[in-house]
Protein backbone atom coordinates (compact mmCIF):
# COMPACT_ATOMS: atom_id res chain seq x y z
CA UNK A 1 7.27 -0.26 -7.93
CA UNK A 2 11.06 0.65 -10.10
CA UNK A 3 11.15 3.80 -8.19
CA UNK A 4 9.38 6.45 -10.46
CA UNK A 5 6.18 7.41 -8.27
CA UNK A 6 5.01 9.63 -11.24
CA UNK A 7 1.55 8.61 -11.61
CA UNK A 8 1.23 7.59 -7.93
CA UNK A 9 -0.53 10.63 -6.86
CA UNK A 10 -4.17 10.55 -8.57
CA UNK A 11 -4.66 7.13 -6.92
CA UNK A 12 -4.03 8.06 -3.40
CA UNK A 13 -6.69 9.94 -1.49
CA UNK A 14 -6.42 13.35 0.14
CA UNK A 15 -7.35 11.28 3.81
CA UNK A 16 -4.20 9.00 2.70
CA UNK A 17 -1.42 9.77 5.71
CA UNK A 18 2.31 9.01 6.21
CA UNK A 19 4.45 7.66 3.63
CA UNK A 20 1.79 7.65 0.96
CA UNK A 21 0.36 10.88 1.77
CA UNK A 22 3.63 12.06 1.24
CA UNK A 23 3.96 10.58 -3.02
CA UNK A 24 0.36 12.24 -3.44
CA UNK A 25 2.13 15.74 -1.61
CA UNK A 26 4.89 15.31 -3.53
CA UNK A 27 7.57 15.14 -0.49
CA UNK A 28 8.04 11.97 -0.81
CA UNK A 29 12.10 11.73 0.74
CA UNK A 30 14.57 9.04 -1.35
CA UNK A 31 14.31 7.14 2.26
CA UNK A 32 10.61 6.56 1.92
CA UNK A 33 10.66 5.90 -2.04
CA UNK A 34 13.19 3.35 -1.27
CA UNK A 35 11.68 1.52 1.53
CA UNK A 36 8.21 1.55 -0.63
CA UNK A 37 10.79 0.10 -3.00
CA UNK A 38 11.60 -2.56 -0.39
CA UNK A 39 7.80 -3.21 1.44
CA UNK A 40 6.71 -4.06 -2.43
CA UNK A 41 9.31 -6.64 -3.31
CA UNK A 42 8.44 -9.87 -4.60
CA UNK A 43 4.49 -9.56 -3.91
CA UNK A 44 2.49 -12.74 -3.54
CA UNK A 45 -0.84 -12.98 -4.22
CA UNK A 46 -3.39 -12.11 -1.27
CA UNK A 47 -6.45 -11.75 -0.12
CA UNK A 48 -10.11 -11.17 -1.75
CA UNK A 49 -11.30 -7.62 -1.68
CA UNK A 50 -13.55 -7.47 0.51
CA UNK A 51 -16.47 -4.69 0.46
CA UNK A 52 -16.96 -3.07 4.00
CA UNK A 53 -19.32 -0.24 3.69
CA UNK A 54 -18.20 1.18 0.75
CA UNK A 55 -14.43 0.89 1.47
CA UNK A 56 -12.58 -1.93 -0.18
CA UNK A 57 -10.20 -3.42 2.29
CA UNK A 58 -7.74 -6.15 0.62
CA UNK A 59 -4.23 -7.57 1.70
CA UNK A 60 -0.75 -8.86 0.11
CA UNK A 61 2.01 -9.78 1.42
CA UNK A 62 6.09 -9.66 -0.16
CA UNK A 63 9.06 -11.16 0.48
CA UNK A 64 9.62 -10.44 3.71
CA UNK A 65 6.30 -12.14 4.89
CA UNK A 66 5.19 -8.98 5.42
CA UNK A 67 1.16 -8.54 5.22
CA UNK A 68 0.50 -4.80 2.86
CA UNK A 69 -2.98 -4.48 3.88
CA UNK A 70 -4.64 -1.74 1.78
CA UNK A 71 -8.05 0.30 1.77
CA UNK A 72 -9.83 1.76 -0.89
CA UNK A 73 -12.67 4.29 -1.45
CA UNK A 74 -14.95 5.16 -3.99
CA UNK A 75 -14.17 9.14 -4.73
CA UNK A 76 -16.01 11.14 -7.39
CA UNK A 77 -15.46 8.64 -10.33
CA UNK A 78 -12.36 7.17 -9.18
CA UNK A 79 -11.40 4.64 -6.69
CA UNK A 80 -8.41 5.72 -4.13
CA UNK A 81 -6.00 4.02 -1.58
CA UNK A 82 -7.32 6.14 1.70
CA UNK A 83 -4.62 3.62 4.03
CA UNK A 84 -1.91 1.30 3.68
CA UNK A 85 -0.97 -0.81 6.52
CA UNK A 86 1.69 -3.18 6.75
CA UNK A 87 2.53 -5.37 9.53
CA UNK A 88 6.09 -7.25 9.83
CA UNK A 89 6.18 -11.08 8.53
CA UNK A 90 6.44 -14.16 11.43
CA UNK A 91 9.20 -16.67 10.59
CA UNK A 92 8.33 -19.74 10.35
CA UNK A 93 9.05 -21.96 12.46
CA UNK A 94 10.34 -25.78 12.34
CA UNK A 95 8.72 -28.48 13.33
């Protein structure tokens, strides 16, 4: 995500709230866009997607070791993000 958020709205469900809801509605502020860019910097391989009653869940980690979790559900013919959460990473302890 290099700051160009055009086209993302088609992948975000009407049920999605928060910064992604603002992106979908065209109301995202420059600060929200910058925060999202930082959040998605240095993504690493994440968890294997899991299906829970028709809702797919998956997680990835970013450069700050934060966990970014997505819930995706089929709406019509397409899958759309219905929820995104970010949980701060923990520092590794030296032993």
